[in-house]
Amino acid sequence: MWFEVAVISTLFAVGNILFGHFEEHTPKWRRLLKFALFMALGVSISHSFGRAWLWVFLLTLAAPVLVIHAWWLPRRGINGWTGEPRDKYYALRGWKRPVSPP
């Protein structure tokens, strides 16, 4: 079971490093809850059905992420890698743009 925990933790760490700017205004408790739920689901799948099904689960989750970042965001004029322009991305998420000091 340690391997599954390590894989999921590594994916979340790399994801937060590369794509954390997409979640900068998401509350910390929601980000922690997301991690805990994915960890519980991944370990449960691996325990119940085997490690191969964990990989199927992870690859299945990767497909919508690729579609969103490579196709859906660019169609709305937002760079799927950088989240720029920030004004459009913030509007899409329903966030208010922070006011920069004068």
N, C-alpha and C. Protein backbone atom coordinates (compact mmCIF):
# COMPACT_ATOMS: atom_id res chain seq x y z
N MET A 1 0.81 -1.19 0.00
CA MET A 1 0.00 0.00 0.00
C MET A 1 0.86 1.27 0.00
N TRP A 2 2.08 1.18 0.49
CA TRP A 2 2.95 2.36 0.54
C TRP A 2 3.22 2.91 -0.85
N PHE A 3 3.30 2.02 -1.85
CA PHE A 3 3.60 2.47 -3.21
C PHE A 3 2.47 3.35 -3.75
N GLU A 4 1.23 2.94 -3.51
CA GLU A 4 0.08 3.72 -3.97
C GLU A 4 0.05 5.09 -3.31
N VAL A 5 0.32 5.11 -2.01
CA VAL A 5 0.36 6.39 -1.28
C VAL A 5 1.46 7.28 -1.85
N ALA A 6 2.61 6.69 -2.13
CA ALA A 6 3.73 7.47 -2.69
C ALA A 6 3.40 8.02 -4.07
N VAL A 7 2.77 7.21 -4.92
CA VAL A 7 2.42 7.65 -6.27
C VAL A 7 1.42 8.80 -6.22
N ILE A 8 0.37 8.65 -5.45
CA ILE A 8 -0.67 9.69 -5.37
C ILE A 8 -0.09 10.96 -4.75
N SER A 9 0.72 10.82 -3.70
CA SER A 9 1.34 11.99 -3.06
C SER A 9 2.27 12.71 -4.03
N THR A 10 3.04 11.95 -4.80
CA THR A 10 3.94 12.55 -5.77
C THR A 10 3.18 13.29 -6.85
N LEU A 11 2.11 12.69 -7.35
CA LEU A 11 1.29 13.35 -8.37
C LEU A 11 0.71 14.66 -7.84
N PHE A 12 0.23 14.65 -6.60
CA PHE A 12 -0.31 15.87 -6.02
C PHE A 12 0.78 16.91 -5.81
N ALA A 13 1.97 16.49 -5.37
CA ALA A 13 3.06 17.45 -5.16
C ALA A 13 3.48 18.09 -6.47
N VAL A 14 3.68 17.29 -7.51
CA VAL A 14 4.07 17.82 -8.81
C VAL A 14 2.95 18.70 -9.37
N GLY A 15 1.71 18.25 -9.22
CA GLY A 15 0.57 19.05 -9.69
C GLY A 15 0.49 20.40 -9.00
N ASN A 16 0.74 20.43 -7.69
CA ASN A 16 0.70 21.70 -6.96
C ASN A 16 1.85 22.61 -7.37
N ILE A 17 3.00 22.04 -7.64
CA ILE A 17 4.14 22.85 -8.07
C ILE A 17 3.88 23.46 -9.45
N LEU A 18 3.39 22.64 -10.38
CA LEU A 18 3.19 23.11 -11.76
C LEU A 18 1.89 23.87 -11.96
N PHE A 19 0.84 23.48 -11.26
CA PHE A 19 -0.48 24.06 -11.53
C PHE A 19 -1.12 24.71 -10.30
N GLY A 20 -0.36 24.96 -9.26
CA GLY A 20 -0.90 25.56 -8.04
C GLY A 20 -1.49 26.93 -8.27
N HIS A 21 -0.98 27.65 -9.28
CA HIS A 21 -1.51 28.99 -9.55
C HIS A 21 -2.96 28.95 -10.03
N PHE A 22 -3.43 27.80 -10.48
CA PHE A 22 -4.83 27.68 -10.87
C PHE A 22 -5.75 27.58 -9.65
N GLU A 23 -5.18 27.31 -8.48
CA GLU A 23 -5.97 27.14 -7.25
C GLU A 23 -5.60 28.16 -6.18
N GLU A 24 -4.99 29.27 -6.56
CA GLU A 24 -4.46 30.19 -5.57
C GLU A 24 -5.51 30.80 -4.65
N HIS A 25 -6.76 30.88 -5.07
CA HIS A 25 -7.80 31.44 -4.22
C HIS A 25 -8.75 30.38 -3.69
N THR A 26 -8.44 29.11 -3.92
CA THR A 26 -9.24 28.03 -3.35
C THR A 26 -8.85 27.88 -1.89
N PRO A 27 -9.83 27.77 -0.99
CA PRO A 27 -9.50 27.63 0.43
C PRO A 27 -8.62 26.40 0.69
N LYS A 28 -7.72 26.55 1.65
CA LYS A 28 -6.78 25.46 1.98
C LYS A 28 -7.52 24.20 2.40
N TRP A 29 -8.64 24.34 3.12
CA TRP A 29 -9.36 23.15 3.58
C TRP A 29 -9.91 22.35 2.40
N ARG A 30 -10.30 23.03 1.32
CA ARG A 30 -10.80 22.32 0.13
C ARG A 30 -9.68 21.58 -0.57
N ARG A 31 -8.49 22.19 -0.61
CA ARG A 31 -7.34 21.54 -1.24
C ARG A 31 -6.93 20.31 -0.43
N LEU A 32 -6.93 20.42 0.90
CA LEU A 32 -6.61 19.27 1.75
C LEU A 32 -7.66 18.18 1.63
N LEU A 33 -8.92 18.56 1.57
CA LEU A 33 -10.00 17.59 1.42
C LEU A 33 -9.88 16.86 0.09
N LYS A 34 -9.55 17.56 -0.96
CA LYS A 34 -9.36 16.95 -2.28
C LYS A 34 -8.25 15.90 -2.21
N PHE A 35 -7.14 16.24 -1.58
CA PHE A 35 -6.03 15.30 -1.44
C PHE A 35 -6.47 14.07 -0.64
N ALA A 36 -7.15 14.29 0.48
CA ALA A 36 -7.57 13.17 1.33
C ALA A 36 -8.55 12.26 0.60
N LEU A 37 -9.48 12.84 -0.14
CA LEU A 37 -10.47 12.03 -0.86
C LEU A 37 -9.81 11.21 -1.97
N PHE A 38 -8.91 11.83 -2.73
CA PHE A 38 -8.22 11.09 -3.79
C PHE A 38 -7.32 10.01 -3.21
N MET A 39 -6.69 10.28 -2.08
CA MET A 39 -5.85 9.28 -1.44
C MET A 39 -6.71 8.10 -0.98
N ALA A 40 -7.81 8.39 -0.31
CA ALA A 40 -8.69 7.32 0.17
C ALA A 40 -9.26 6.52 -0.99
N LEU A 41 -9.69 7.19 -2.04
CA LEU A 41 -10.26 6.50 -3.20
C LEU A 41 -9.20 5.66 -3.90
N GLY A 42 -8.02 6.23 -4.10
CA GLY A 42 -6.94 5.49 -4.77
C GLY A 42 -6.49 4.27 -4.00
N VAL A 43 -6.30 4.41 -2.71
CA VAL A 43 -5.88 3.27 -1.88
C VAL A 43 -7.00 2.23 -1.83
N SER A 44 -8.24 2.67 -1.76
CA SER A 44 -9.37 1.73 -1.74
C SER A 44 -9.45 0.94 -3.05
N ILE A 45 -9.28 1.61 -4.16
CA ILE A 45 -9.31 0.94 -5.46
C ILE A 45 -8.18 -0.08 -5.55
N SER A 46 -6.99 0.33 -5.14
CA SER A 46 -5.85 -0.58 -5.20
C SER A 46 -6.04 -1.78 -4.29
N HIS A 47 -6.55 -1.55 -3.10
CA HIS A 47 -6.77 -2.63 -2.14
C HIS A 47 -7.86 -3.59 -2.61
N SER A 48 -8.93 -3.04 -3.16
CA SER A 48 -10.08 -3.86 -3.56
C SER A 48 -9.89 -4.56 -4.90
N PHE A 49 -9.28 -3.87 -5.86
CA PHE A 49 -9.22 -4.41 -7.22
C PHE A 49 -7.82 -4.67 -7.74
N GLY A 50 -6.81 -4.14 -7.07
CA GLY A 50 -5.44 -4.36 -7.50
C GLY A 50 -4.80 -3.10 -8.04
N ARG A 51 -3.47 -3.13 -8.08
CA ARG A 51 -2.69 -1.97 -8.49
C ARG A 51 -2.97 -1.56 -9.93
N ALA A 52 -3.24 -2.52 -10.80
CA ALA A 52 -3.51 -2.19 -12.21
C ALA A 52 -4.73 -1.27 -12.33
N TRP A 53 -5.74 -1.50 -11.51
CA TRP A 53 -6.93 -0.66 -11.57
C TRP A 53 -6.67 0.74 -11.01
N LEU A 54 -5.69 0.85 -10.11
CA LEU A 54 -5.31 2.19 -9.66
C LEU A 54 -4.75 2.98 -10.84
N TRP A 55 -3.91 2.35 -11.66
CA TRP A 55 -3.35 3.03 -12.83
C TRP A 55 -4.45 3.39 -13.82
N VAL A 56 -5.43 2.52 -14.01
CA VAL A 56 -6.57 2.84 -14.88
C VAL A 56 -7.30 4.07 -14.34
N PHE A 57 -7.53 4.09 -13.04
CA PHE A 57 -8.19 5.22 -12.38
C PHE A 57 -7.40 6.51 -12.60
N LEU A 58 -6.09 6.48 -12.37
CA LEU A 58 -5.27 7.69 -12.52
C LEU A 58 -5.23 8.17 -13.97
N LEU A 59 -5.10 7.25 -14.90
CA LEU A 59 -5.09 7.63 -16.32
C LEU A 59 -6.45 8.17 -16.76
N THR A 60 -7.51 7.60 -16.22
CA THR A 60 -8.86 8.10 -16.53
C THR A 60 -9.02 9.53 -16.02
N LEU A 61 -8.46 9.83 -14.85
CA LEU A 61 -8.53 11.19 -14.32
C LEU A 61 -7.66 12.17 -15.11
N ALA A 62 -6.60 11.67 -15.72
CA ALA A 62 -5.71 12.54 -16.48
C ALA A 62 -6.37 13.05 -17.76
N ALA A 63 -7.27 12.28 -18.33
CA ALA A 63 -7.90 12.66 -19.60
C ALA A 63 -8.67 13.98 -19.50
N PRO A 64 -9.57 14.16 -18.50
CA PRO A 64 -10.27 15.44 -18.42
C PRO A 64 -9.32 16.62 -18.13
N VAL A 65 -8.28 16.37 -17.36
CA VAL A 65 -7.32 17.44 -17.07
C VAL A 65 -6.65 17.90 -18.37
N LEU A 66 -6.25 16.95 -19.20
CA LEU A 66 -5.63 17.31 -20.48
C LEU A 66 -6.61 18.04 -21.39
N VAL A 67 -7.85 17.59 -21.42
CA VAL A 67 -8.87 18.25 -22.26
C VAL A 67 -9.08 19.69 -21.78
N ILE A 68 -9.19 19.88 -20.49
CA ILE A 68 -9.44 21.22 -19.95
C ILE A 68 -8.26 22.15 -20.25
N HIS A 69 -7.04 21.69 -19.95
CA HIS A 69 -5.88 22.56 -20.09
C HIS A 69 -5.40 22.72 -21.53
N ALA A 70 -5.62 21.73 -22.36
CA ALA A 70 -5.11 21.80 -23.74
C ALA A 70 -6.16 22.27 -24.75
N TRP A 71 -7.45 22.15 -24.41
CA TRP A 71 -8.47 22.50 -25.39
C TRP A 71 -9.48 23.52 -24.84
N TRP A 72 -10.10 23.24 -23.70
CA TRP A 72 -11.20 24.05 -23.19
C TRP A 72 -10.76 25.45 -22.77
N LEU A 73 -9.69 25.56 -21.97
CA LEU A 73 -9.21 26.88 -21.56
C LEU A 73 -8.74 27.72 -22.75
N PRO A 74 -7.91 27.16 -23.68
CA PRO A 74 -7.51 27.98 -24.83
C PRO A 74 -8.69 28.46 -25.68
N ARG A 75 -9.76 27.67 -25.77
CA ARG A 75 -10.93 28.13 -26.52
C ARG A 75 -11.58 29.35 -25.88
N ARG A 76 -11.36 29.54 -24.60
CA ARG A 76 -11.89 30.70 -23.89
C ARG A 76 -10.86 31.82 -23.77
N GLY A 77 -9.75 31.69 -24.51
CA GLY A 77 -8.74 32.74 -24.53
C GLY A 77 -7.81 32.73 -23.33
N ILE A 78 -7.70 31.58 -22.64
CA ILE A 78 -6.86 31.47 -21.45
C ILE A 78 -5.77 30.43 -21.74
N ASN A 79 -4.53 30.79 -21.45
CA ASN A 79 -3.43 29.84 -21.62
C ASN A 79 -3.59 28.72 -20.59
N GLY A 80 -3.65 27.48 -21.06
CA GLY A 80 -3.87 26.33 -20.18
C GLY A 80 -2.69 25.97 -19.31
N TRP A 81 -1.53 26.53 -19.58
CA TRP A 81 -0.35 26.24 -18.78
C TRP A 81 -0.10 27.33 -17.74
N THR A 82 -0.35 28.59 -18.11
CA THR A 82 -0.03 29.71 -17.21
C THR A 82 -1.26 30.36 -16.58
N GLY A 83 -2.45 30.12 -17.13
CA GLY A 83 -3.65 30.76 -16.59
C GLY A 83 -3.73 32.24 -16.93
N GLU A 84 -3.09 32.63 -18.00
CA GLU A 84 -3.09 34.04 -18.40
C GLU A 84 -3.95 34.23 -19.63
N PRO A 85 -4.59 35.34 -19.80
CA PRO A 85 -4.59 36.50 -18.94
C PRO A 85 -5.38 36.24 -17.65
N ARG A 86 -4.83 36.72 -16.56
CA ARG A 86 -5.40 36.48 -15.24
C ARG A 86 -6.84 36.99 -15.13
N ASP A 87 -7.13 38.13 -15.73
CA ASP A 87 -8.48 38.69 -15.63
C ASP A 87 -9.52 37.71 -16.18
N LYS A 88 -9.24 37.11 -17.32
CA LYS A 88 -10.18 36.15 -17.90
C LYS A 88 -10.29 34.90 -17.04
N TYR A 89 -9.15 34.43 -16.53
CA TYR A 89 -9.17 33.22 -15.70
C TYR A 89 -9.93 33.47 -14.40
N TYR A 90 -9.68 34.61 -13.77
CA TYR A 90 -10.38 34.93 -12.52
C TYR A 90 -11.89 35.05 -12.77
N ALA A 91 -12.25 35.67 -13.89
CA ALA A 91 -13.68 35.80 -14.22
C ALA A 91 -14.30 34.42 -14.43
N LEU A 92 -13.57 33.53 -15.09
CA LEU A 92 -14.07 32.18 -15.32
C LEU A 92 -14.31 31.45 -14.00
N ARG A 93 -13.42 31.62 -13.03
CA ARG A 93 -13.54 30.97 -11.73
C ARG A 93 -14.48 31.71 -10.80
N GLY A 94 -14.87 32.94 -11.14
CA GLY A 94 -15.74 33.72 -10.28
C GLY A 94 -15.00 34.40 -9.14
N TRP A 95 -13.69 34.58 -9.30
CA TRP A 95 -12.87 35.23 -8.29
C TRP A 95 -12.76 36.71 -8.60
N LYS A 96 -12.54 37.48 -7.56
CA LYS A 96 -12.29 38.91 -7.73
C LYS A 96 -10.78 39.10 -7.90
N ARG A 97 -10.42 39.94 -8.83
CA ARG A 97 -8.99 40.24 -9.07
C ARG A 97 -8.47 41.05 -7.89
N PRO A 98 -7.36 40.63 -7.26
CA PRO A 98 -6.83 41.43 -6.14
C PRO A 98 -6.35 42.80 -6.61
N VAL A 99 -6.58 43.78 -5.78
CA VAL A 99 -6.17 45.14 -6.10
C VAL A 99 -4.70 45.29 -5.71
N SER A 100 -3.89 45.71 -6.67
CA SER A 100 -2.48 45.91 -6.37
C SER A 100 -2.28 47.27 -5.72
N PRO A 101 -1.33 47.35 -4.77
CA PRO A 101 -1.10 48.65 -4.11
C PRO A 101 -0.54 49.69 -5.09
N PRO A 102 -0.89 50.95 -4.89
CA PRO A 102 -0.44 52.01 -5.82
C PRO A 102 1.04 52.27 -5.73
